[in-house]
C-alpha cells in the first residue's frame, strides 16, 4: 500500500489512503479515523509521520479532533 521506494513522502501517501477511505465511505462522517498507534501498525511508519498525517487531515478540514477521544471524519457539505 505504501511505496517506501517512492519519492512521495510517506505521510502524503498515508494521508492519500485515509482521504480515499473517507471519500469511498469506509470512514463515514463522525466516525473515528485510525489513531497514531493504529497508523503506525498498519502502515509501518514512525510516530511523528503518523502524527503529521493526522495534523494535515485536520488542517484540510477532512477530520476534527476531540481531546481524549481521537480524530473523527468531518461532515461534508454536499
PDB file of N, CA and C in Angstrom:
ATOM      1  N   UNK A   1       0.826  -1.193   0.000  1.00  0.00           N
ATOM      2  CA  UNK A   1       0.000   0.000   0.000  1.00  0.00           C
ATOM      3  C   UNK A   1       0.871   1.259   0.000  1.00  0.00           C
ATOM      4  N   UNK A   2       1.894   1.280   0.848  1.00  0.00           N
ATOM      5  CA  UNK A   2       2.812   2.395   0.881  1.00  0.00           C
ATOM      6  C   UNK A   2       4.068   1.979   0.137  1.00  0.00           C
ATOM      7  N   UNK A   3       4.505   2.829  -0.782  1.00  0.00           N
ATOM      8  CA  UNK A   3       5.705   2.545  -1.565  1.00  0.00           C
ATOM      9  C   UNK A   3       6.889   3.227  -0.889  1.00  0.00           C
ATOM     10  N   UNK A   4       7.661   2.452  -0.144  1.00  0.00           N
ATOM     11  CA  UNK A   4       8.784   3.013   0.597  1.00  0.00           C
ATOM     12  C   UNK A   4       9.900   3.487  -0.325  1.00  0.00           C
ATOM     13  N   UNK A   5       9.901   3.061  -1.590  1.00  0.00           N
ATOM     14  CA  UNK A   5      10.915   3.486  -2.549  1.00  0.00           C
ATOM     15  C   UNK A   5      10.496   4.748  -3.308  1.00  0.00           C
ATOM     16  N   UNK A   6       9.270   5.174  -3.127  1.00  0.00           N
ATOM     17  CA  UNK A   6       8.737   6.331  -3.840  1.00  0.00           C
ATOM     18  C   UNK A   6       9.372   7.632  -3.364  1.00  0.00           C
ATOM     19  N   UNK A   7       9.394   8.608  -4.263  1.00  0.00           N
ATOM     20  CA  UNK A   7       9.855   9.950  -3.903  1.00  0.00           C
ATOM     21  C   UNK A   7       8.778  10.726  -3.154  1.00  0.00           C
ATOM     22  N   UNK A   8       7.543  10.227  -3.177  1.00  0.00           N
ATOM     23  CA  UNK A   8       6.453  10.868  -2.457  1.00  0.00           C
ATOM     24  C   UNK A   8       6.618  10.561  -0.971  1.00  0.00           C
ATOM     25  N   UNK A   9       6.637  11.600  -0.126  1.00  0.00           N
ATOM     26  CA  UNK A   9       6.806  11.347   1.307  1.00  0.00           C
ATOM     27  C   UNK A   9       5.757  10.371   1.842  1.00  0.00           C
ATOM     28  N   UNK A  10       6.166   9.569   2.794  1.00  0.00           N
ATOM     29  CA  UNK A  10       5.270   8.547   3.353  1.00  0.00           C
ATOM     30  C   UNK A  10       4.022   9.157   3.956  1.00  0.00           C
ATOM     31  N   UNK A  11       4.158  10.294   4.636  1.00  0.00           N
ATOM     32  CA  UNK A  11       2.985  10.899   5.259  1.00  0.00           C
ATOM     33  C   UNK A  11       1.964  11.292   4.201  1.00  0.00           C
ATOM     34  N   UNK A  12       2.429  11.734   3.025  1.00  0.00           N
ATOM     35  CA  UNK A  12       1.498  12.081   1.945  1.00  0.00           C
ATOM     36  C   UNK A  12       0.797  10.842   1.408  1.00  0.00           C
ATOM     37  N   UNK A  13       1.536   9.751   1.281  1.00  0.00           N
ATOM     38  CA  UNK A  13       0.939   8.507   0.796  1.00  0.00           C
ATOM     39  C   UNK A  13      -0.140   8.016   1.757  1.00  0.00           C
ATOM     40  N   UNK A  14       0.154   8.052   3.052  1.00  0.00           N
ATOM     41  CA  UNK A  14      -0.816   7.596   4.049  1.00  0.00           C
ATOM     42  C   UNK A  14      -2.016   8.538   4.079  1.00  0.00           C
ATOM     43  N   UNK A  15      -1.775   9.841   4.019  1.00  0.00           N
ATOM     44  CA  UNK A  15      -2.879  10.800   4.001  1.00  0.00           C
ATOM     45  C   UNK A  15      -3.781  10.554   2.793  1.00  0.00           C
ATOM     46  N   UNK A  16      -3.189  10.227   1.651  1.00  0.00           N
ATOM     47  CA  UNK A  16      -3.986   9.914   0.452  1.00  0.00           C
ATOM     48  C   UNK A  16      -4.868   8.685   0.684  1.00  0.00           C
ATOM     49  N   UNK A  17      -4.328   7.675   1.349  1.00  0.00           N
ATOM     50  CA  UNK A  17      -5.108   6.469   1.643  1.00  0.00           C
ATOM     51  C   UNK A  17      -6.287   6.815   2.554  1.00  0.00           C
ATOM     52  N   UNK A  18      -6.045   7.600   3.585  1.00  0.00           N
ATOM     53  CA  UNK A  18      -7.120   7.963   4.513  1.00  0.00           C
ATOM     54  C   UNK A  18      -8.155   8.829   3.801  1.00  0.00           C
ATOM     55  N   UNK A  19      -7.695   9.779   2.973  1.00  0.00           N
ATOM     56  CA  UNK A  19      -8.644  10.603   2.196  1.00  0.00           C
ATOM     57  C   UNK A  19      -9.522   9.722   1.304  1.00  0.00           C
ATOM     58  N   UNK A  20      -8.909   8.721   0.664  1.00  0.00           N
ATOM     59  CA  UNK A  20      -9.668   7.816  -0.205  1.00  0.00           C
ATOM     60  C   UNK A  20     -10.691   7.027   0.595  1.00  0.00           C
ATOM     61  N   UNK A  21     -10.307   6.580   1.773  1.00  0.00           N
ATOM     62  CA  UNK A  21     -11.242   5.837   2.622  1.00  0.00           C
ATOM     63  C   UNK A  21     -12.405   6.725   3.074  1.00  0.00           C
ATOM     64  N   UNK A  22     -12.125   7.992   3.299  1.00  0.00           N
ATOM     65  CA  UNK A  22     -13.207   8.932   3.640  1.00  0.00           C
ATOM     66  C   UNK A  22     -14.114   9.111   2.437  1.00  0.00           C
ATOM     67  N   UNK A  23     -13.515   9.310   1.259  1.00  0.00           N
ATOM     68  CA  UNK A  23     -14.288   9.543   0.034  1.00  0.00           C
ATOM     69  C   UNK A  23     -15.156   8.345  -0.346  1.00  0.00           C
ATOM     70  N   UNK A  24     -14.638   7.126  -0.149  1.00  0.00           N
ATOM     71  CA  UNK A  24     -15.412   5.951  -0.568  1.00  0.00           C
ATOM     72  C   UNK A  24     -16.362   5.431   0.520  1.00  0.00           C
ATOM     73  N   UNK A  25     -16.386   6.124   1.662  1.00  0.00           N
ATOM     74  CA  UNK A  25     -17.341   5.757   2.703  1.00  0.00           C
ATOM     75  C   UNK A  25     -16.837   4.728   3.695  1.00  0.00           C
ATOM     76  N   UNK A  26     -15.594   4.289   3.542  1.00  0.00           N
ATOM     77  CA  UNK A  26     -15.035   3.366   4.527  1.00  0.00           C
ATOM     78  C   UNK A  26     -15.066   4.006   5.906  1.00  0.00           C
ATOM     79  N   UNK A  27     -14.761   5.309   5.947  1.00  0.00           N
ATOM     80  CA  UNK A  27     -14.853   6.096   7.173  1.00  0.00           C
ATOM     81  C   UNK A  27     -15.920   7.163   6.949  1.00  0.00           C
ATOM     82  N   UNK A  28     -17.169   6.893   7.311  1.00  0.00           N
ATOM     83  CA  UNK A  28     -18.228   7.884   7.114  1.00  0.00           C
ATOM     84  C   UNK A  28     -18.090   9.052   8.097  1.00  0.00           C
ATOM     85  N   UNK A  29     -18.810  10.150   7.840  1.00  0.00           N
ATOM     86  CA  UNK A  29     -18.765  11.300   8.744  1.00  0.00           C
ATOM     87  C   UNK A  29     -19.052  10.902  10.194  1.00  0.00           C
ATOM     88  N   UNK A  30     -18.335  11.548  11.097  1.00  0.00           N
ATOM     89  CA  UNK A  30     -18.473  11.388  12.549  1.00  0.00           C
ATOM     90  C   UNK A  30     -17.931  10.063  13.074  1.00  0.00           C
ATOM     91  N   UNK A  31     -17.237   9.289  12.240  1.00  0.00           N
ATOM     92  CA  UNK A  31     -16.612   8.061  12.732  1.00  0.00           C
ATOM     93  C   UNK A  31     -15.124   8.307  12.954  1.00  0.00           C
ATOM     94  N   UNK A  32     -14.561   7.523  13.855  1.00  0.00           N
ATOM     95  CA  UNK A  32     -13.139   7.672  14.173  1.00  0.00           C
ATOM     96  C   UNK A  32     -12.267   7.229  13.029  1.00  0.00           C
ATOM     97  N   UNK A  33     -11.206   7.975  12.824  1.00  0.00           N
ATOM     98  CA  UNK A  33     -10.161   7.529  11.903  1.00  0.00           C
ATOM     99  C   UNK A  33      -9.076   6.866  12.759  1.00  0.00           C
ATOM    100  N   UNK A  34      -8.206   6.092  12.153  1.00  0.00           N
ATOM    101  CA  UNK A  34      -7.182   5.406  12.949  1.00  0.00           C
ATOM    102  C   UNK A  34      -6.338   6.386  13.768  1.00  0.00           C
ATOM    103  N   UNK A  35      -5.947   5.932  14.946  1.00  0.00           N
ATOM    104  CA  UNK A  35      -5.091   6.718  15.827  1.00  0.00           C
ATOM    105  C   UNK A  35      -3.653   6.660  15.326  1.00  0.00           C
ATOM    106  N   UNK A  36      -2.785   7.433  15.959  1.00  0.00           N
ATOM    107  CA  UNK A  36      -1.362   7.405  15.629  1.00  0.00           C
ATOM    108  C   UNK A  36      -0.831   5.979  15.744  1.00  0.00           C
ATOM    109  N   UNK A  37      -1.164   5.308  16.818  1.00  0.00           N
ATOM    110  CA  UNK A  37      -0.677   3.937  17.031  1.00  0.00           C
ATOM    111  C   UNK A  37      -1.214   2.997  15.951  1.00  0.00           C
ATOM    112  N   UNK A  38      -2.474   3.148  15.591  1.00  0.00           N
ATOM    113  CA  UNK A  38      -3.054   2.299  14.548  1.00  0.00           C
ATOM    114  C   UNK A  38      -2.411   2.571  13.190  1.00  0.00           C
ATOM    115  N   UNK A  39      -2.144   3.842  12.892  1.00  0.00           N
ATOM    116  CA  UNK A  39      -1.480   4.173  11.625  1.00  0.00           C
ATOM    117  C   UNK A  39      -0.071   3.589  11.590  1.00  0.00           C
ATOM    118  N   UNK A  40       0.635   3.679  12.710  1.00  0.00           N
ATOM    119  CA  UNK A  40       1.971   3.093  12.790  1.00  0.00           C
ATOM    120  C   UNK A  40       1.929   1.601  12.486  1.00  0.00           C
ATOM    121  N   UNK A  41       0.995   0.907  13.100  1.00  0.00           N
ATOM    122  CA  UNK A  41       0.899  -0.543  12.930  1.00  0.00           C
ATOM    123  C   UNK A  41       0.494  -0.917  11.501  1.00  0.00           C
ATOM    124  N   UNK A  42      -0.492  -0.216  10.960  1.00  0.00           N
ATOM    125  CA  UNK A  42      -0.993  -0.573   9.630  1.00  0.00           C
ATOM    126  C   UNK A  42       0.002  -0.262   8.521  1.00  0.00           C
ATOM    127  N   UNK A  43       0.661   0.894   8.609  1.00  0.00           N
ATOM    128  CA  UNK A  43       1.496   1.355   7.505  1.00  0.00           C
ATOM    129  C   UNK A  43       2.997   1.220   7.751  1.00  0.00           C
ATOM    130  N   UNK A  44       3.380   0.834   8.954  1.00  0.00           N
ATOM    131  CA  UNK A  44       4.799   0.674   9.246  1.00  0.00           C
ATOM    132  C   UNK A  44       5.557   1.992   9.229  1.00  0.00           C
ATOM    133  N   UNK A  45       4.928   3.032   9.760  1.00  0.00           N
ATOM    134  CA  UNK A  45       5.529   4.362   9.772  1.00  0.00           C
ATOM    135  C   UNK A  45       5.862   4.778  11.201  1.00  0.00           C
ATOM    136  N   UNK A  46       6.672   5.808  11.313  1.00  0.00           N
ATOM    137  CA  UNK A  46       7.073   6.321  12.621  1.00  0.00           C
ATOM    138  C   UNK A  46       5.930   7.119  13.255  1.00  0.00           C
ATOM    139  N   UNK A  47       6.031   7.298  14.563  1.00  0.00           N
ATOM    140  CA  UNK A  47       5.020   8.056  15.301  1.00  0.00           C
ATOM    141  C   UNK A  47       4.897   9.481  14.762  1.00  0.00           C
ATOM    142  N   UNK A  48       6.023  10.131  14.507  1.00  0.00           N
ATOM    143  CA  UNK A  48       5.996  11.506  14.003  1.00  0.00           C
ATOM    144  C   UNK A  48       5.329  11.576  12.626  1.00  0.00           C
ATOM    145  N   UNK A  49       5.548  10.568  11.812  1.00  0.00           N
ATOM    146  CA  UNK A  49       4.930  10.516  10.482  1.00  0.00           C
ATOM    147  C   UNK A  49       3.422  10.351  10.615  1.00  0.00           C
ATOM    148  N   UNK A  50       2.998   9.466  11.481  1.00  0.00           N
ATOM    149  CA  UNK A  50       1.560   9.255  11.702  1.00  0.00           C
ATOM    150  C   UNK A  50       0.901  10.520  12.243  1.00  0.00           C
ATOM    151  N   UNK A  51       1.582  11.200  13.152  1.00  0.00           N
ATOM    152  CA  UNK A  51       1.046  12.442  13.704  1.00  0.00           C
ATOM    153  C   UNK A  51       0.919  13.502  12.615  1.00  0.00           C
ATOM    154  N   UNK A  52       1.882  13.548  11.715  1.00  0.00           N
ATOM    155  CA  UNK A  52       1.833  14.515  10.615  1.00  0.00           C
ATOM    156  C   UNK A  52       0.625  14.247   9.710  1.00  0.00           C
ATOM    157  N   UNK A  53       0.314  12.984   9.491  1.00  0.00           N
ATOM    158  CA  UNK A  53      -0.863  12.619   8.690  1.00  0.00           C
ATOM    159  C   UNK A  53      -2.125  13.197   9.337  1.00  0.00           C
ATOM    160  N   UNK A  54      -2.294  12.951  10.624  1.00  0.00           N
ATOM    161  CA  UNK A  54      -3.500  13.418  11.313  1.00  0.00           C
ATOM    162  C   UNK A  54      -3.550  14.940  11.379  1.00  0.00           C
ATOM    163  N   UNK A  55      -2.410  15.566  11.576  1.00  0.00           N
ATOM    164  CA  UNK A  55      -2.353  17.033  11.610  1.00  0.00           C
ATOM    165  C   UNK A  55      -2.754  17.616  10.260  1.00  0.00           C
ATOM    166  N   UNK A  56      -2.261  17.025   9.181  1.00  0.00           N
ATOM    167  CA  UNK A  56      -2.584  17.520   7.836  1.00  0.00           C
ATOM    168  C   UNK A  56      -4.066  17.348   7.525  1.00  0.00           C
ATOM    169  N   UNK A  57      -4.611  16.192   7.829  1.00  0.00           N
ATOM    170  CA  UNK A  57      -6.031  15.951   7.559  1.00  0.00           C
ATOM    171  C   UNK A  57      -6.913  16.921   8.350  1.00  0.00           C
ATOM    172  N   UNK A  58      -6.520  17.222   9.576  1.00  0.00           N
ATOM    173  CA  UNK A  58      -7.253  18.185  10.394  1.00  0.00           C
ATOM    174  C   UNK A  58      -7.143  19.584   9.781  1.00  0.00           C
ATOM    175  N   UNK A  59      -5.952  19.972   9.335  1.00  0.00           N
ATOM    176  CA  UNK A  59      -5.739  21.287   8.724  1.00  0.00           C
ATOM    177  C   UNK A  59      -6.549  21.450   7.437  1.00  0.00           C
ATOM    178  N   UNK A  60      -6.736  20.362   6.723  1.00  0.00           N
ATOM    179  CA  UNK A  60      -7.523  20.386   5.481  1.00  0.00           C
ATOM    180  C   UNK A  60      -9.025  20.421   5.753  1.00  0.00           C
ATOM    181  N   UNK A  61      -9.420  20.145   6.987  1.00  0.00           N
ATOM    182  CA  UNK A  61     -10.839  20.094   7.317  1.00  0.00           C
ATOM    183  C   UNK A  61     -11.480  18.745   7.067  1.00  0.00           C
ATOM    184  N   UNK A  62     -10.662  17.743   6.742  1.00  0.00           N
ATOM    185  CA  UNK A  62     -11.198  16.404   6.499  1.00  0.00           C
ATOM    186  C   UNK A  62     -11.568  15.705   7.798  1.00  0.00           C
ATOM    187  N   UNK A  63     -10.859  16.074   8.876  1.00  0.00           N
ATOM    188  CA  UNK A  63     -11.117  15.473  10.181  1.00  0.00           C
ATOM    189  C   UNK A  63     -11.138  16.562  11.245  1.00  0.00           C
ATOM    190  N   UNK A  64     -11.607  16.187  12.403  1.00  0.00           N
ATOM    191  CA  UNK A  64     -11.531  17.060  13.582  1.00  0.00           C
ATOM    192  C   UNK A  64     -11.138  16.186  14.763  1.00  0.00           C
ATOM    193  N   UNK A  65     -10.575  16.807  15.779  1.00  0.00           N
ATOM    194  CA  UNK A  65     -10.093  16.065  16.937  1.00  0.00           C
ATOM    195  C   UNK A  65     -10.877  16.442  18.176  1.00  0.00           C
ATOM    196  N   UNK A  66     -11.260  15.444  18.936  1.00  0.00           N
ATOM    197  CA  UNK A  66     -11.890  15.644  20.236  1.00  0.00           C
ATOM    198  C   UNK A  66     -10.864  15.193  21.272  1.00  0.00           C
ATOM    199  N   UNK A  67     -10.353  16.140  22.074  1.00  0.00           N
ATOM    200  CA  UNK A  67      -9.335  15.768  23.055  1.00  0.00           C
ATOM    201  C   UNK A  67      -9.772  14.576  23.923  1.00  0.00           C
ATOM    202  N   UNK A  68      -8.891  13.624  24.029  1.00  0.00           N
ATOM    203  CA  UNK A  68      -9.157  12.445  24.833  1.00  0.00           C
ATOM    204  C   UNK A  68      -9.959  11.360  24.122  1.00  0.00           C
ATOM    205  N   UNK A  69     -10.510  11.673  22.957  1.00  0.00           N
ATOM    206  CA  UNK A  69     -11.314  10.686  22.223  1.00  0.00           C
ATOM    207  C   UNK A  69     -10.724  10.293  20.885  1.00  0.00           C
ATOM    208  N   UNK A  70     -10.024  11.200  20.215  1.00  0.00           N
ATOM    209  CA  UNK A  70      -9.418  10.875  18.934  1.00  0.00           C
ATOM    210  C   UNK A  70      -9.851  11.793  17.820  1.00  0.00           C
ATOM    211  N   UNK A  71      -9.523  11.371  16.606  1.00  0.00           N
ATOM    212  CA  UNK A  71      -9.850  12.125  15.395  1.00  0.00           C
ATOM    213  C   UNK A  71     -11.030  11.472  14.694  1.00  0.00           C
ATOM    214  N   UNK A  72     -11.890  12.313  14.153  1.00  0.00           N
ATOM    215  CA  UNK A  72     -13.123  11.864  13.517  1.00  0.00           C
ATOM    216  C   UNK A  72     -13.276  12.501  12.150  1.00  0.00           C
ATOM    217  N   UNK A  73     -14.012  11.847  11.265  1.00  0.00           N
ATOM    218  CA  UNK A  73     -14.289  12.379   9.937  1.00  0.00           C
ATOM    219  C   UNK A  73     -15.239  13.558  10.059  1.00  0.00           C
ATOM    220  N   UNK A  74     -14.877  14.652   9.424  1.00  0.00           N
ATOM    221  CA  UNK A  74     -15.714  15.846   9.446  1.00  0.00           C
ATOM    222  C   UNK A  74     -16.918  15.668   8.527  1.00  0.00           C
ATOM    223  N   UNK A  75     -17.979  16.387   8.840  1.00  0.00           N
ATOM    224  CA  UNK A  75     -19.151  16.414   7.953  1.00  0.00           C
ATOM    225  C   UNK A  75     -18.769  17.114   6.650  1.00  0.00           C
ATOM    226  N   UNK A  76     -19.303  16.637   5.554  1.00  0.00           N
ATOM    227  CA  UNK A  76     -19.056  17.298   4.282  1.00  0.00           C
ATOM    228  C   UNK A  76     -20.316  18.007   3.832  1.00  0.00           C
ATOM    229  N   UNK A  77     -20.106  19.115   3.155  1.00  0.00           N
ATOM    230  CA  UNK A  77     -21.263  19.834   2.605  1.00  0.00           C
ATOM    231  C   UNK A  77     -21.477  19.327   1.204  1.00  0.00           C
ATOM    232  N   UNK A  78     -22.658  18.800   0.950  1.00  0.00           N
ATOM    233  CA  UNK A  78     -22.950  18.201  -0.355  1.00  0.00           C
ATOM    234  C   UNK A  78     -23.736  19.135  -1.209  1.00  0.00           C
TER     235      UNK A  78
END
